[in-house]
Amino acid sequence: MAVGPRSIELQERRVQLVESWSQNVTHLQELLYQVGALTEEDLSLVRGGGRPGERDCMRTLLDVLHGRGEEACRAFFHVLQSQRANTESGTMLAAIPPEGTGTSSSDSGPTNMQEHLRKHKDILGRQHGPVDYLRIGTSSSESVNEPGSFTDITLSRCVGYSVPLQYHQHEAAMVGDAFRSQDQVCTFQDVCQSLLSVPGDNMTLLSGVAGSGKTTVVIRLVYEWARDSDSQKIVLSLSFRELNLLSEPQSLQELLLVHYSHLKPVLARVVDSQPGRILLILDGLDEFRFPLDFERSPKCSDPERRLGMGEMVVNLIKGHLLPGISILVTSRPHAVSKVPPLLVTQLYSVLGFSTDQQRHYFEQSCSSPLVASAVWGYVSSYQPLQLMCRIPAFCWIVSTALRDGAPSYFSQVTTTTLPSTARTTPAGSSDTTNNSAEKATPTPSIFSFTVPSVTLMSSDVKPITITEIYCCFLKSILVFHGEGRSQEGCSPQRLQEAPRVLQEMRPMLRDLGALAFQGLLERRFLFDQADLSSFSLDCSGLSKAFLVEILREDRASLTYQRSFHFLHTSVQEFLAALYYVLQALSGSDPFLGLKSAVVVAMFPVALHKVLTSTANKLLRPRRLLRRYVKKAFSWGGHHQSGHMDLFCRFVSGLLVPQTRVILDGLFPDRSQIFPSLSSSSLSLPSPSPPPFTPPFLLSLLHSQLQCGRLSPERQVNVCHCLYEAQDPGLAQRLQAWLQVLAQQQVPDQSGPAKRDWSELAFLLQLIPDLQDLNLEAQGLDAEGLRRLLPVLPLFSTLRLGQNPLGPEGAVVLACALQSPDCRVERLWVVGTGLGCEGLEVLTEGLKDNHTVVDLRMAINHIGDVGAGYLADLLRTNHTLKDVRLRDNQITDKGAELLMEALTENTTLEHLWMFDNKLSKEGVRKLKEFARSTSHLDIKVCI
């Protein structure tokens, strides 16, 4: 085939031809067929199947013409020239230069493109500058608003990517776990270089819990790109929240041109000719309301074809739309599995703030170094608070709750020793020295009872629980940041006015909480104007303080579509709990009240009031309150996903009278709620509320803790609820567990089964630096091990020897070893009664594990059958280096099976076979085998 000047010109002008002539492709096909340049087969090929778009047809037409040679290309340009002459309006042809002029048009030249791209950088740079988190409580003069003042966060590069197991715990419980040694810790600069320097055609996932800093990473990434004049990337950023507002099918070209109208003259050229330069950011996959069907979504490679939003995202991620571009998708952990692993090139996790980064954030956000030091000293004294401060958004909430009143809160930072029966909590910074596994065992000093004494919110309440912090946050927003209130300074007068302000805000807070509760039940975090109207809310006043508004222009109707979300998901969960407790204390069913406000009412309003009044009369107030509280915990327990966990913790905390003192004025007097309880244990005659937790709440939580129907994750959450409820006996029980971990306590031979292993799992979540879990000879059975399952994968060493685990315990261990988060390197299960049945299960778990290098399982009576299971494992496992099988009743037959498998294994270095039932001949064969294998040391004797 001769390649002449017309064929060359066709290739050189391909991008312009597709851009300007695609809308006439059908007419061009007919003309070319009439002049004999195309055959019927060519027409069939160009039109294709599956309704291809105009651009796809035009590209195929050019391919066919180029394949047919110089004469076909000459006929094509002749047809174009004829059409140009016959067209009365030259608007359509303005972008196409005459034949032979190449790409010399000044309107589409390189200089013009660079000007448009510079403008694009300037616009995105202004939109993505560093600002104070959520713009509350920081003056413009503070350093956090200065250019380049982003606070660093910690990230990790995940080695390999597998579909995560279904998450059964609240995201807040994952925060401390993420900072244990896992994957490759990296900096923002590493991520930035990977995304902006590496050529295109890769798909990157960025995962992190709500508030961990995913969107901040995106903002900073765009900001750094806009400041870098040498970067060759072209960044386009869209959020899934914006895509949620597009209910009608739309083409990708329309979407991008509406979003980036300033790129309209050059965007099509860049997409067609330089796709490798484009980085498309899609932020917030977890909030996307359209389904992603990677199996059945129709393939589409035409950016002009209209698609539903779900189909468009699928085709972008699969590389059908805009092939060759780079894509960055951010998501919360539970939605990561929506993207098939085979499509993901690299996965990063946002871990949040390290200890030093937390301290630095408080230094940035507080008004003075003295206040920052006081806030940090206070937070670091309480391990649960510091653990939650791994999340940057929670750091902001803590800072907002404490810094505004800093002159009065921390005017006298002294040290007070709380009695053992008082409100105590784990203390001690996680910023400890990393020693060896033997020295990593915690000491009872983790539970120091010395805490800073502060006067907070004009009361003697010390916010040591998460609920109290959120109460302080709510009060701080209302008292210091409400409408008409200056953000400068803090005065005692405002605190004195707080009860009146809270009382005035009660109806609106109740409505806002009802909206939050409704969304929580439906797992919905984005609301529209109709949702607000159904709860008598508007987008001004109080709602504006807690809701973020998203505006999107609807050009068809010349209006704006509004949607809203809470400042942070935990704020939504707190307000939902606040609504629930307000309703429960007033004797109203929170669920029934909610349905009548949102859904088409089950009963008329008048009938609803009659039913509620009748129920209040028939049931004693205390029983009514207990019933509603039990209903909340039951509802949370039924949701195994864990998304109700934090809500249950807040409900527990808000039922403590001393916690409600912070919000004095918001809750009605108990004499007004339950006049019949004036002499009960839940109400004191004095105007001040009782300082202790209602006994029925502790009884309810303890009964749930002993319930066998709850999953281990829910049982750990019950312990969190006990902490929020300020159970007076919790600190003593956790102190005893610390002695167990330090091997300072003799096992309780009288009744080891009475131990609550869920409490230990709760405690272990508060000690993120602990790497060695030593529970040898502690009476740990399979059920106890099951309760520890949420934390088992997170330790580098598991010492579980001399415990009656049995085959059932092996099932639990296998689950832990198969977890994507598994970091276990040393598994010691000496004398645990596994037997050959348990070993079979354990080896199945080890087949999918790539972390365990040291397996010690002496005295487990596995016999030759168990040796066979282990031999099957060693044929494929390339991680194990040390296996110890002392005293396991293995005979020569089992030894033969092991040696046969080890001929295929080159990674095992040590095999202990002491005290087994081997003959002299069997011992001799093992020793000879060891001598013939240079990398393997076998220890054996008769």
Foldseek 3Di string as FASTA:
>chain_A
DDADPLLVLLVLCVLVCLVQCLVVLVVLVVQLVVVPLDDPVLVCQLCDDDRAGSSSSSNSNSVVQSVSDDVSSVVSLVVVVVVCVVDPDCPSVPCPDRPPPRNPDPLADPVNLVVLLLVVLVVLLVVLFFDPQVPPLDDCPFPSRDGPNDQWFKKAWADADDQFDFFQAAQLLCQLLVPFDHHGIDTLVVVLCVQQPDWFQAEEEEEEAWQQQPVVSVSVSSNVVSVDPPGQAREAEDELVVLQVDQFWFFQVVVRCVVSVSCVSCPSVCLVPPQRRYEYEYEEPVQHPDAADLPPQDQHADRHDTDRPNSVVSNVLVQSHSRRHYYYYYYYSNCPSSDHSVSHPIYMYGSAHDLVSLLVVLCRNAPHPVLSVVLSQQQQFALVSVSSVSRVVSSVLLSLLARQCSCQFVVDWDKDADPLLAQFHFHHHLPDDQDDQVPLQDALCRRGRIHTFTQHLNHRDDPRAPLLSNLSSVLSCQQQPFPPHDSPHDDVVSSVCSLVSLLVCQLVLLLLLLLLLVCLVVVHFKAFPVSQVLSPHDCDTPVVSFKDWDWDADVVVRDITIMIGGSINLNSLLSNLVNLLLCLLLQHQSVQVSCVSPPVHPDPPVVSVVVSVVVPVVDQSVVSSLVNLLVLLVVQQVPSSHSNLSSNLSNLLCQQLVSCVSNNNNHDQSCVRHVVCDPPPQADVDRRGDRAFPPSSVVSLVVVLPDPVGFLNSNLSSLSSCSSNSPSCLSVLVSVVSCQSVVNDDADPVPLVPDRLSSVLNVVSSNSSNAARANAQNQQELSSLRSNLVCVQSHQYYHHEPYQHELSNLLSVLVSQLRPSGQHAAYAHEHRQHELNSLLSNLVSVLNHQHHAHYHYEPNQNELSSLLSVLVSQLRHQRHAEYEHAHNQYELNSLVSNLVSCVNYQRHQEYEYEHYHYDPVSVVVVVVSQVVRVRYDYHYDD
